[in-house]
Amino acid sequence: MNPMNARQRTTKTPPMFWASLAIIFVGAAFRFLPHAWNFTPIGAIALFAGATLAPWYLAVLTPLAAMAISDSLLGFNEWTPVVYACMLLYVGLGRLIRHTTRPEQILGASVLGSVLFFLITNFVCWYAYYPPTIDGLRSCYVAAVPFFRNTLLSDLFFSATLFGAMHLIQRQIPAYATVRR
């Protein structure tokens, strides 16, 4: 093996690294733009990262870095660990669908991510702020329905945007057709 070729392979930055970096900064920047509550691309970014980025740690770091960068300026709060854990669930869902291009599987993972985010974050909210009763739990979830609607709509919109863009890029540039691993 030619030593120069080996060095070139090890020093060349993979295109998905740059894509990940761009997604991190777009996701972080989006949180500073005016938007409806819970209408951000972060959940979709986590799902997309899980489905498209290899190695696994790049998939995990992408949404967490976007959150950490924006939270360092917006402020961390008591919900930060719960929200970050939910982003890891989105990444896990993305890993489950990483070998598919079927829209219904991407749609299903996006909806499931939204539902899990809603159930988990509002369960914690109920535990922290509502009476520890069934009525308290019901009240908490009912109060959160508008936020769920925005989470679901944003996850669907941004997932369609990210996965659709990836599909178009792979059709236009054959070298990117094998990006998913």
N, C-alpha and C. Protein backbone atom coordinates (compact mmCIF):
# COMPACT_ATOMS: atom_id res chain seq x y z
N MET A 1 0.84 -1.18 0.00
CA MET A 1 0.00 0.00 0.00
C MET A 1 0.89 1.24 0.00
N ASN A 2 0.53 2.18 -0.78
CA ASN A 2 1.25 3.43 -0.88
C ASN A 2 1.00 4.26 0.38
N PRO A 3 2.07 4.65 1.12
CA PRO A 3 1.88 5.42 2.35
C PRO A 3 1.14 6.74 2.13
N MET A 4 1.31 7.36 0.99
CA MET A 4 0.63 8.63 0.73
C MET A 4 -0.88 8.41 0.67
N ASN A 5 -1.32 7.32 0.04
CA ASN A 5 -2.75 7.04 -0.04
C ASN A 5 -3.34 6.81 1.34
N ALA A 6 -2.61 6.11 2.21
CA ALA A 6 -3.10 5.85 3.57
C ALA A 6 -3.24 7.17 4.33
N ARG A 7 -2.27 8.07 4.18
CA ARG A 7 -2.34 9.35 4.86
C ARG A 7 -3.51 10.18 4.34
N GLN A 8 -3.73 10.16 3.04
CA GLN A 8 -4.83 10.93 2.47
C GLN A 8 -6.17 10.43 3.01
N ARG A 9 -6.31 9.13 3.15
CA ARG A 9 -7.57 8.57 3.65
C ARG A 9 -7.81 8.95 5.10
N THR A 10 -6.78 9.00 5.90
CA THR A 10 -6.97 9.27 7.32
C THR A 10 -7.12 10.76 7.61
N THR A 11 -6.67 11.64 6.71
CA THR A 11 -6.77 13.07 6.99
C THR A 11 -7.97 13.71 6.31
N LYS A 12 -8.62 13.03 5.41
CA LYS A 12 -9.77 13.59 4.72
C LYS A 12 -10.98 13.56 5.66
N THR A 13 -11.60 14.70 5.82
CA THR A 13 -12.78 14.79 6.69
C THR A 13 -13.98 14.27 5.92
N PRO A 14 -14.70 13.31 6.51
CA PRO A 14 -15.87 12.74 5.82
C PRO A 14 -16.94 13.81 5.60
N PRO A 15 -17.65 13.74 4.46
CA PRO A 15 -18.68 14.74 4.18
C PRO A 15 -19.78 14.77 5.24
N MET A 16 -20.08 13.64 5.87
CA MET A 16 -21.15 13.64 6.86
C MET A 16 -20.73 14.40 8.12
N PHE A 17 -19.42 14.53 8.37
CA PHE A 17 -18.97 15.36 9.49
C PHE A 17 -19.38 16.80 9.24
N TRP A 18 -19.15 17.27 8.02
CA TRP A 18 -19.50 18.65 7.68
C TRP A 18 -21.02 18.83 7.69
N ALA A 19 -21.73 17.83 7.21
CA ALA A 19 -23.20 17.89 7.26
C ALA A 19 -23.67 17.97 8.70
N SER A 20 -23.06 17.16 9.57
CA SER A 20 -23.41 17.18 10.98
C SER A 20 -23.14 18.54 11.59
N LEU A 21 -22.00 19.11 11.28
CA LEU A 21 -21.65 20.43 11.81
C LEU A 21 -22.66 21.49 11.34
N ALA A 22 -23.04 21.43 10.08
CA ALA A 22 -24.03 22.38 9.56
C ALA A 22 -25.37 22.20 10.26
N ILE A 23 -25.78 20.95 10.46
CA ILE A 23 -27.06 20.67 11.13
C ILE A 23 -27.02 21.19 12.57
N ILE A 24 -25.90 21.01 13.25
CA ILE A 24 -25.76 21.50 14.63
C ILE A 24 -26.01 23.00 14.68
N PHE A 25 -25.34 23.74 13.81
CA PHE A 25 -25.46 25.19 13.87
C PHE A 25 -26.82 25.68 13.38
N VAL A 26 -27.42 25.03 12.40
CA VAL A 26 -28.76 25.40 11.96
C VAL A 26 -29.77 25.12 13.08
N GLY A 27 -29.65 23.95 13.72
CA GLY A 27 -30.55 23.60 14.82
C GLY A 27 -30.42 24.56 15.98
N ALA A 28 -29.20 24.90 16.34
CA ALA A 28 -28.98 25.84 17.44
C ALA A 28 -29.51 27.22 17.07
N ALA A 29 -29.22 27.67 15.87
CA ALA A 29 -29.66 29.00 15.44
C ALA A 29 -31.18 29.09 15.37
N PHE A 30 -31.82 28.03 14.96
CA PHE A 30 -33.28 28.05 14.83
C PHE A 30 -33.96 28.34 16.16
N ARG A 31 -33.37 27.91 17.25
CA ARG A 31 -33.97 28.13 18.56
C ARG A 31 -33.97 29.60 18.96
N PHE A 32 -33.19 30.43 18.27
CA PHE A 32 -33.17 31.86 18.56
C PHE A 32 -34.14 32.65 17.70
N LEU A 33 -34.66 32.02 16.65
CA LEU A 33 -35.63 32.69 15.78
C LEU A 33 -37.00 32.66 16.45
N PRO A 34 -37.84 33.64 16.17
CA PRO A 34 -39.20 33.58 16.71
C PRO A 34 -39.92 32.33 16.19
N HIS A 35 -40.53 31.60 17.10
CA HIS A 35 -41.25 30.38 16.69
C HIS A 35 -42.28 30.04 17.77
N ALA A 36 -43.26 29.25 17.37
CA ALA A 36 -44.27 28.78 18.32
C ALA A 36 -43.60 27.84 19.32
N TRP A 37 -44.15 27.76 20.53
CA TRP A 37 -43.62 26.84 21.54
C TRP A 37 -43.51 25.44 20.95
N ASN A 38 -42.38 24.80 21.18
CA ASN A 38 -42.10 23.42 20.77
C ASN A 38 -42.07 23.21 19.26
N PHE A 39 -42.00 24.26 18.49
CA PHE A 39 -41.89 24.12 17.04
C PHE A 39 -40.44 24.42 16.64
N THR A 40 -39.58 23.43 16.85
CA THR A 40 -38.17 23.54 16.50
C THR A 40 -37.73 22.27 15.77
N PRO A 41 -36.62 22.32 15.07
CA PRO A 41 -36.17 21.15 14.33
C PRO A 41 -35.36 20.14 15.14
N ILE A 42 -35.19 20.35 16.43
CA ILE A 42 -34.25 19.52 17.20
C ILE A 42 -34.66 18.05 17.23
N GLY A 43 -35.92 17.74 17.45
CA GLY A 43 -36.36 16.34 17.45
C GLY A 43 -36.12 15.68 16.10
N ALA A 44 -36.44 16.38 15.03
CA ALA A 44 -36.21 15.85 13.68
C ALA A 44 -34.72 15.70 13.40
N ILE A 45 -33.93 16.64 13.90
CA ILE A 45 -32.48 16.54 13.74
C ILE A 45 -31.95 15.30 14.44
N ALA A 46 -32.45 15.03 15.64
CA ALA A 46 -32.01 13.85 16.38
C ALA A 46 -32.41 12.57 15.65
N LEU A 47 -33.63 12.53 15.12
CA LEU A 47 -34.09 11.37 14.36
C LEU A 47 -33.24 11.19 13.10
N PHE A 48 -33.02 12.28 12.38
CA PHE A 48 -32.22 12.25 11.15
C PHE A 48 -30.78 11.85 11.44
N ALA A 49 -30.21 12.39 12.50
CA ALA A 49 -28.83 12.04 12.86
C ALA A 49 -28.73 10.56 13.17
N GLY A 50 -29.68 10.04 13.94
CA GLY A 50 -29.67 8.62 14.26
C GLY A 50 -29.78 7.74 13.02
N ALA A 51 -30.55 8.20 12.05
CA ALA A 51 -30.78 7.41 10.84
C ALA A 51 -29.66 7.52 9.82
N THR A 52 -28.93 8.63 9.82
CA THR A 52 -28.00 8.85 8.72
C THR A 52 -26.53 8.96 9.09
N LEU A 53 -26.24 9.26 10.34
CA LEU A 53 -24.84 9.52 10.68
C LEU A 53 -24.16 8.30 11.28
N ALA A 54 -22.99 8.03 10.79
CA ALA A 54 -22.13 6.99 11.35
C ALA A 54 -20.79 7.67 11.58
N PRO A 55 -20.12 7.37 12.62
CA PRO A 55 -20.39 6.41 13.67
C PRO A 55 -21.48 6.90 14.63
N TRP A 56 -21.90 6.02 15.50
CA TRP A 56 -23.03 6.28 16.39
C TRP A 56 -22.82 7.52 17.25
N TYR A 57 -21.58 7.77 17.68
CA TYR A 57 -21.35 8.91 18.56
C TYR A 57 -21.58 10.24 17.85
N LEU A 58 -21.37 10.28 16.54
CA LEU A 58 -21.68 11.49 15.79
C LEU A 58 -23.18 11.72 15.76
N ALA A 59 -23.94 10.62 15.65
CA ALA A 59 -25.40 10.72 15.68
C ALA A 59 -25.88 11.24 17.04
N VAL A 60 -25.25 10.80 18.11
CA VAL A 60 -25.63 11.23 19.46
C VAL A 60 -25.20 12.69 19.69
N LEU A 61 -24.00 13.03 19.29
CA LEU A 61 -23.47 14.36 19.56
C LEU A 61 -24.17 15.47 18.78
N THR A 62 -24.68 15.16 17.60
CA THR A 62 -25.26 16.20 16.75
C THR A 62 -26.43 16.93 17.41
N PRO A 63 -27.50 16.24 17.83
CA PRO A 63 -28.59 16.99 18.46
C PRO A 63 -28.21 17.53 19.84
N LEU A 64 -27.40 16.78 20.59
CA LEU A 64 -27.01 17.26 21.91
C LEU A 64 -26.14 18.51 21.82
N ALA A 65 -25.28 18.57 20.81
CA ALA A 65 -24.45 19.76 20.62
C ALA A 65 -25.32 20.96 20.22
N ALA A 66 -26.29 20.75 19.35
CA ALA A 66 -27.20 21.83 18.96
C ALA A 66 -27.93 22.36 20.18
N MET A 67 -28.39 21.46 21.04
CA MET A 67 -29.09 21.87 22.25
C MET A 67 -28.13 22.59 23.21
N ALA A 68 -26.96 22.03 23.41
CA ALA A 68 -26.01 22.61 24.37
C ALA A 68 -25.54 24.00 23.93
N ILE A 69 -25.30 24.17 22.65
CA ILE A 69 -24.86 25.48 22.16
C ILE A 69 -25.95 26.52 22.41
N SER A 70 -27.17 26.19 22.03
CA SER A 70 -28.25 27.17 22.22
C SER A 70 -28.60 27.34 23.70
N ASP A 71 -28.59 26.25 24.46
CA ASP A 71 -28.90 26.36 25.88
C ASP A 71 -27.83 27.15 26.65
N SER A 72 -26.60 27.13 26.15
CA SER A 72 -25.56 27.90 26.84
C SER A 72 -25.85 29.40 26.76
N LEU A 73 -26.61 29.81 25.76
CA LEU A 73 -27.01 31.21 25.64
C LEU A 73 -28.43 31.47 26.15
N LEU A 74 -29.31 30.51 25.94
CA LEU A 74 -30.70 30.66 26.40
C LEU A 74 -30.84 30.35 27.88
N GLY A 75 -29.99 29.48 28.37
CA GLY A 75 -30.03 29.09 29.77
C GLY A 75 -30.48 27.65 29.95
N PHE A 76 -29.78 26.97 30.83
CA PHE A 76 -30.17 25.61 31.20
C PHE A 76 -31.22 25.72 32.30
N ASN A 77 -32.03 24.67 32.46
CA ASN A 77 -33.03 24.67 33.51
C ASN A 77 -33.22 23.25 34.05
N GLU A 78 -34.18 23.10 34.95
CA GLU A 78 -34.38 21.79 35.57
C GLU A 78 -34.90 20.75 34.58
N TRP A 79 -35.39 21.18 33.42
CA TRP A 79 -35.91 20.25 32.42
C TRP A 79 -34.83 19.77 31.46
N THR A 80 -33.68 20.38 31.48
CA THR A 80 -32.63 20.05 30.52
C THR A 80 -32.29 18.56 30.47
N PRO A 81 -32.06 17.89 31.59
CA PRO A 81 -31.72 16.46 31.49
C PRO A 81 -32.84 15.61 30.87
N VAL A 82 -34.08 15.95 31.17
CA VAL A 82 -35.21 15.19 30.62
C VAL A 82 -35.30 15.41 29.11
N VAL A 83 -35.18 16.65 28.68
CA VAL A 83 -35.26 16.96 27.25
C VAL A 83 -34.10 16.32 26.49
N TYR A 84 -32.90 16.37 27.05
CA TYR A 84 -31.75 15.76 26.39
C TYR A 84 -31.93 14.24 26.30
N ALA A 85 -32.47 13.63 27.35
CA ALA A 85 -32.73 12.19 27.31
C ALA A 85 -33.74 11.85 26.23
N CYS A 86 -34.74 12.70 26.07
CA CYS A 86 -35.72 12.47 24.99
C CYS A 86 -35.07 12.59 23.62
N MET A 87 -34.11 13.49 23.48
CA MET A 87 -33.40 13.60 22.20
C MET A 87 -32.62 12.32 21.91
N LEU A 88 -32.10 11.69 22.95
CA LEU A 88 -31.42 10.41 22.76
C LEU A 88 -32.40 9.33 22.30
N LEU A 89 -33.64 9.40 22.77
CA LEU A 89 -34.66 8.46 22.28
C LEU A 89 -34.92 8.66 20.79
N TYR A 90 -34.98 9.92 20.37
CA TYR A 90 -35.14 10.19 18.94
C TYR A 90 -33.97 9.59 18.15
N VAL A 91 -32.75 9.77 18.65
CA VAL A 91 -31.58 9.19 17.98
C VAL A 91 -31.73 7.68 17.89
N GLY A 92 -32.17 7.05 18.99
CA GLY A 92 -32.38 5.60 18.99
C GLY A 92 -33.41 5.18 17.97
N LEU A 93 -34.50 5.94 17.85
CA LEU A 93 -35.50 5.63 16.83
C LEU A 93 -34.89 5.76 15.43
N GLY A 94 -34.06 6.78 15.26
CA GLY A 94 -33.38 6.95 13.97
C GLY A 94 -32.48 5.76 13.65
N ARG A 95 -31.79 5.24 14.66
CA ARG A 95 -30.92 4.07 14.44
C ARG A 95 -31.76 2.87 14.00
N LEU A 96 -32.98 2.77 14.50
CA LEU A 96 -33.84 1.65 14.12
C LEU A 96 -34.29 1.72 12.67
N ILE A 97 -34.36 2.92 12.10
CA ILE A 97 -34.82 3.06 10.72
C ILE A 97 -33.70 3.41 9.76
N ARG A 98 -32.46 3.27 10.18
CA ARG A 98 -31.36 3.78 9.36
C ARG A 98 -31.15 3.04 8.05
N HIS A 99 -31.71 1.88 7.89
CA HIS A 99 -31.52 1.14 6.63
C HIS A 99 -32.76 1.21 5.74
N THR A 100 -33.60 2.19 5.98
CA THR A 100 -34.80 2.31 5.18
C THR A 100 -34.89 3.67 4.53
N THR A 101 -35.58 3.72 3.44
CA THR A 101 -35.92 5.00 2.81
C THR A 101 -37.43 5.09 2.67
N ARG A 102 -38.14 4.17 3.31
CA ARG A 102 -39.59 4.14 3.19
C ARG A 102 -40.21 5.28 4.00
N PRO A 103 -40.96 6.14 3.33
CA PRO A 103 -41.55 7.30 4.01
C PRO A 103 -42.43 6.91 5.20
N GLU A 104 -43.15 5.81 5.10
CA GLU A 104 -44.04 5.44 6.21
C GLU A 104 -43.25 5.06 7.47
N GLN A 105 -42.06 4.50 7.31
CA GLN A 105 -41.25 4.20 8.49
C GLN A 105 -40.65 5.47 9.10
N ILE A 106 -40.25 6.39 8.25
CA ILE A 106 -39.75 7.68 8.74
C ILE A 106 -40.88 8.44 9.43
N LEU A 107 -42.06 8.42 8.83
CA LEU A 107 -43.23 9.06 9.43
C LEU A 107 -43.56 8.43 10.78
N GLY A 108 -43.56 7.11 10.84
CA GLY A 108 -43.86 6.40 12.09
C GLY A 108 -42.86 6.73 13.18
N ALA A 109 -41.58 6.76 12.84
CA ALA A 109 -40.55 7.09 13.83
C ALA A 109 -40.70 8.53 14.31
N SER A 110 -41.05 9.42 13.41
CA SER A 110 -41.24 10.82 13.77
C SER A 110 -42.43 10.98 14.72
N VAL A 111 -43.53 10.33 14.41
CA VAL A 111 -44.71 10.40 15.28
C VAL A 111 -44.40 9.76 16.64
N LEU A 112 -43.74 8.60 16.62
CA LEU A 112 -43.41 7.93 17.88
C LEU A 112 -42.48 8.80 18.74
N GLY A 113 -41.53 9.46 18.12
CA GLY A 113 -40.64 10.37 18.86
C GLY A 113 -41.43 11.49 19.52
N SER A 114 -42.37 12.07 18.78
CA SER A 114 -43.21 13.14 19.34
C SER A 114 -44.04 12.64 20.51
N VAL A 115 -44.63 11.47 20.35
CA VAL A 115 -45.46 10.90 21.41
C VAL A 115 -44.63 10.60 22.66
N LEU A 116 -43.46 10.00 22.47
CA LEU A 116 -42.61 9.70 23.62
C LEU A 116 -42.16 10.98 24.32
N PHE A 117 -41.80 11.99 23.55
CA PHE A 117 -41.40 13.27 24.13
C PHE A 117 -42.54 13.84 24.96
N PHE A 118 -43.75 13.82 24.42
CA PHE A 118 -44.93 14.32 25.12
C PHE A 118 -45.19 13.55 26.40
N LEU A 119 -45.19 12.22 26.30
CA LEU A 119 -45.49 11.39 27.47
C LEU A 119 -44.44 11.56 28.58
N ILE A 120 -43.17 11.53 28.20
CA ILE A 120 -42.10 11.59 29.20
C ILE A 120 -42.00 12.96 29.85
N THR A 121 -41.94 14.01 29.04
CA THR A 121 -41.76 15.34 29.63
C THR A 121 -42.96 15.76 30.48
N ASN A 122 -44.14 15.38 30.05
CA ASN A 122 -45.32 15.76 30.83
C ASN A 122 -45.52 14.87 32.04
N PHE A 123 -45.04 13.66 32.01
CA PHE A 123 -45.07 12.84 33.22
C PHE A 123 -44.18 13.46 34.29
N VAL A 124 -43.02 13.92 33.88
CA VAL A 124 -42.10 14.58 34.82
C VAL A 124 -42.72 15.89 35.32
N CYS A 125 -43.37 16.61 34.42
CA CYS A 125 -44.05 17.85 34.81
C CYS A 125 -45.15 17.55 35.83
N TRP A 126 -45.93 16.51 35.60
CA TRP A 126 -46.98 16.11 36.56
C TRP A 126 -46.36 15.80 37.91
N TYR A 127 -45.30 15.03 37.90
CA TYR A 127 -44.64 14.65 39.15
C TYR A 127 -44.14 15.87 39.91
N ALA A 128 -43.63 16.86 39.17
CA ALA A 128 -43.03 18.04 39.81
C ALA A 128 -44.04 19.10 40.23
N TYR A 129 -45.12 19.27 39.45
CA TYR A 129 -45.96 20.45 39.66
C TYR A 129 -47.45 20.19 39.90
N TYR A 130 -47.90 18.98 39.68
CA TYR A 130 -49.33 18.71 39.81
C TYR A 130 -49.59 17.79 41.00
N PRO A 131 -50.84 17.76 41.47
CA PRO A 131 -51.17 16.83 42.56
C PRO A 131 -50.90 15.39 42.12
N PRO A 132 -50.40 14.56 43.02
CA PRO A 132 -50.07 13.17 42.66
C PRO A 132 -51.32 12.28 42.61
N THR A 133 -52.24 12.69 41.74
CA THR A 133 -53.50 11.95 41.57
C THR A 133 -53.74 11.72 40.09
N ILE A 134 -54.71 10.87 39.80
CA ILE A 134 -55.09 10.63 38.40
C ILE A 134 -55.63 11.93 37.79
N ASP A 135 -56.39 12.68 38.57
CA ASP A 135 -56.90 13.97 38.07
C ASP A 135 -55.75 14.95 37.79
N GLY A 136 -54.73 14.93 38.64
CA GLY A 136 -53.57 15.77 38.40
C GLY A 136 -52.84 15.36 37.13
N LEU A 137 -52.70 14.06 36.92
CA LEU A 137 -52.06 13.55 35.70
C LEU A 137 -52.86 13.96 34.46
N ARG A 138 -54.16 13.77 34.53
CA ARG A 138 -55.03 14.13 33.40
C ARG A 138 -54.94 15.63 33.13
N SER A 139 -54.99 16.43 34.17
CA SER A 139 -54.89 17.88 34.00
C SER A 139 -53.58 18.28 33.34
N CYS A 140 -52.52 17.65 33.75
CA CYS A 140 -51.20 17.95 33.18
C CYS A 140 -51.16 17.64 31.69
N TYR A 141 -51.62 16.45 31.32
CA TYR A 141 -51.59 16.07 29.90
C TYR A 141 -52.54 16.91 29.07
N VAL A 142 -53.70 17.25 29.59
CA VAL A 142 -54.64 18.09 28.85
C VAL A 142 -54.05 19.47 28.61
N ALA A 143 -53.41 20.03 29.64
CA ALA A 143 -52.79 21.35 29.51
C ALA A 143 -51.66 21.34 28.48
N ALA A 144 -51.06 20.19 28.24
CA ALA A 144 -49.91 20.09 27.34
C ALA A 144 -50.28 19.78 25.90
N VAL A 145 -51.54 19.55 25.61
CA VAL A 145 -51.94 19.17 24.24
C VAL A 145 -51.51 20.20 23.20
N PRO A 146 -51.65 21.51 23.43
CA PRO A 146 -51.17 22.46 22.40
C PRO A 146 -49.67 22.33 22.12
N PHE A 147 -48.91 22.03 23.15
CA PHE A 147 -47.47 21.84 22.96
C PHE A 147 -47.20 20.57 22.16
N PHE A 148 -47.98 19.53 22.41
CA PHE A 148 -47.83 18.29 21.65
C PHE A 148 -48.12 18.53 20.18
N ARG A 149 -49.17 19.28 19.90
CA ARG A 149 -49.52 19.56 18.50
C ARG A 149 -48.33 20.21 17.79
N ASN A 150 -47.70 21.19 18.44
CA ASN A 150 -46.55 21.86 17.83
C ASN A 150 -45.35 20.94 17.69
N THR A 151 -45.12 20.11 18.69
CA THR A 151 -44.01 19.15 18.61
C THR A 151 -44.24 18.20 17.44
N LEU A 152 -45.44 17.66 17.34
CA LEU A 152 -45.75 16.72 16.26
C LEU A 152 -45.62 17.39 14.89
N LEU A 153 -46.19 18.57 14.74
CA LEU A 153 -46.11 19.27 13.45
C LEU A 153 -44.67 19.60 13.08
N SER A 154 -43.90 20.06 14.05
CA SER A 154 -42.50 20.40 13.74
C SER A 154 -41.69 19.15 13.42
N ASP A 155 -41.91 18.07 14.17
CA ASP A 155 -41.18 16.84 13.87
C ASP A 155 -41.51 16.33 12.48
N LEU A 156 -42.78 16.37 12.11
CA LEU A 156 -43.18 15.91 10.78
C LEU A 156 -42.61 16.82 9.69
N PHE A 157 -42.73 18.12 9.88
CA PHE A 157 -42.25 19.07 8.88
C PHE A 157 -40.73 18.97 8.69
N PHE A 158 -40.00 19.04 9.79
CA PHE A 158 -38.54 19.05 9.68
C PHE A 158 -37.98 17.67 9.31
N SER A 159 -38.64 16.60 9.72
CA SER A 159 -38.20 15.26 9.28
C SER A 159 -38.38 15.13 7.78
N ALA A 160 -39.53 15.57 7.28
CA ALA A 160 -39.77 15.53 5.83
C ALA A 160 -38.73 16.37 5.09
N THR A 161 -38.39 17.52 5.66
CA THR A 161 -37.40 18.40 5.04
C THR A 161 -36.02 17.74 5.02
N LEU A 162 -35.58 17.23 6.16
CA LEU A 162 -34.24 16.64 6.24
C LEU A 162 -34.12 15.35 5.42
N PHE A 163 -35.05 14.44 5.62
CA PHE A 163 -34.99 13.17 4.88
C PHE A 163 -35.24 13.40 3.39
N GLY A 164 -36.13 14.34 3.07
CA GLY A 164 -36.38 14.66 1.66
C GLY A 164 -35.16 15.25 0.99
N ALA A 165 -34.48 16.16 1.69
CA ALA A 165 -33.26 16.76 1.15
C ALA A 165 -32.19 15.68 0.94
N MET A 166 -32.06 14.77 1.90
CA MET A 166 -31.08 13.69 1.77
C MET A 166 -31.41 12.82 0.55
N HIS A 167 -32.68 12.53 0.38
CA HIS A 167 -33.09 11.71 -0.77
C HIS A 167 -32.74 12.42 -2.09
N LEU A 168 -33.03 13.71 -2.16
CA LEU A 168 -32.71 14.46 -3.38
C LEU A 168 -31.21 14.52 -3.63
N ILE A 169 -30.44 14.73 -2.58
CA ILE A 169 -28.98 14.77 -2.72
C ILE A 169 -28.47 13.41 -3.21
N GLN A 170 -28.97 12.34 -2.65
CA GLN A 170 -28.52 11.01 -3.05
C GLN A 170 -28.90 10.70 -4.49
N ARG A 171 -30.01 11.23 -4.96
CA ARG A 171 -30.40 11.02 -6.36
C ARG A 171 -29.54 11.84 -7.31
N GLN A 172 -29.14 13.05 -6.88
CA GLN A 172 -28.37 13.93 -7.74
C GLN A 172 -26.87 13.64 -7.72
N ILE A 173 -26.38 13.18 -6.58
CA ILE A 173 -24.94 12.92 -6.43
C ILE A 173 -24.78 11.46 -6.02
N PRO A 174 -24.52 10.58 -6.97
CA PRO A 174 -24.45 9.14 -6.67
C PRO A 174 -23.46 8.77 -5.57
N ALA A 175 -22.40 9.54 -5.38
CA ALA A 175 -21.42 9.22 -4.34
C ALA A 175 -22.04 9.26 -2.95
N TYR A 176 -23.11 10.02 -2.77
CA TYR A 176 -23.77 10.12 -1.48
C TYR A 176 -24.87 9.09 -1.29
N ALA A 177 -25.09 8.25 -2.27
CA ALA A 177 -26.14 7.24 -2.17
C ALA A 177 -25.83 6.18 -1.13
N THR A 178 -24.57 6.05 -0.75
CA THR A 178 -24.19 5.02 0.23
C THR A 178 -23.83 5.62 1.59
N VAL A 179 -24.33 6.83 1.87
CA VAL A 179 -23.97 7.50 3.12
C VAL A 179 -24.50 6.76 4.33
N ARG A 180 -25.73 6.26 4.27
CA ARG A 180 -26.30 5.56 5.43
C ARG A 180 -25.56 4.26 5.67
N ARG A 181 -25.35 3.97 6.97
CA ARG A 181 -24.64 2.74 7.31
C ARG A 181 -25.40 1.98 8.34
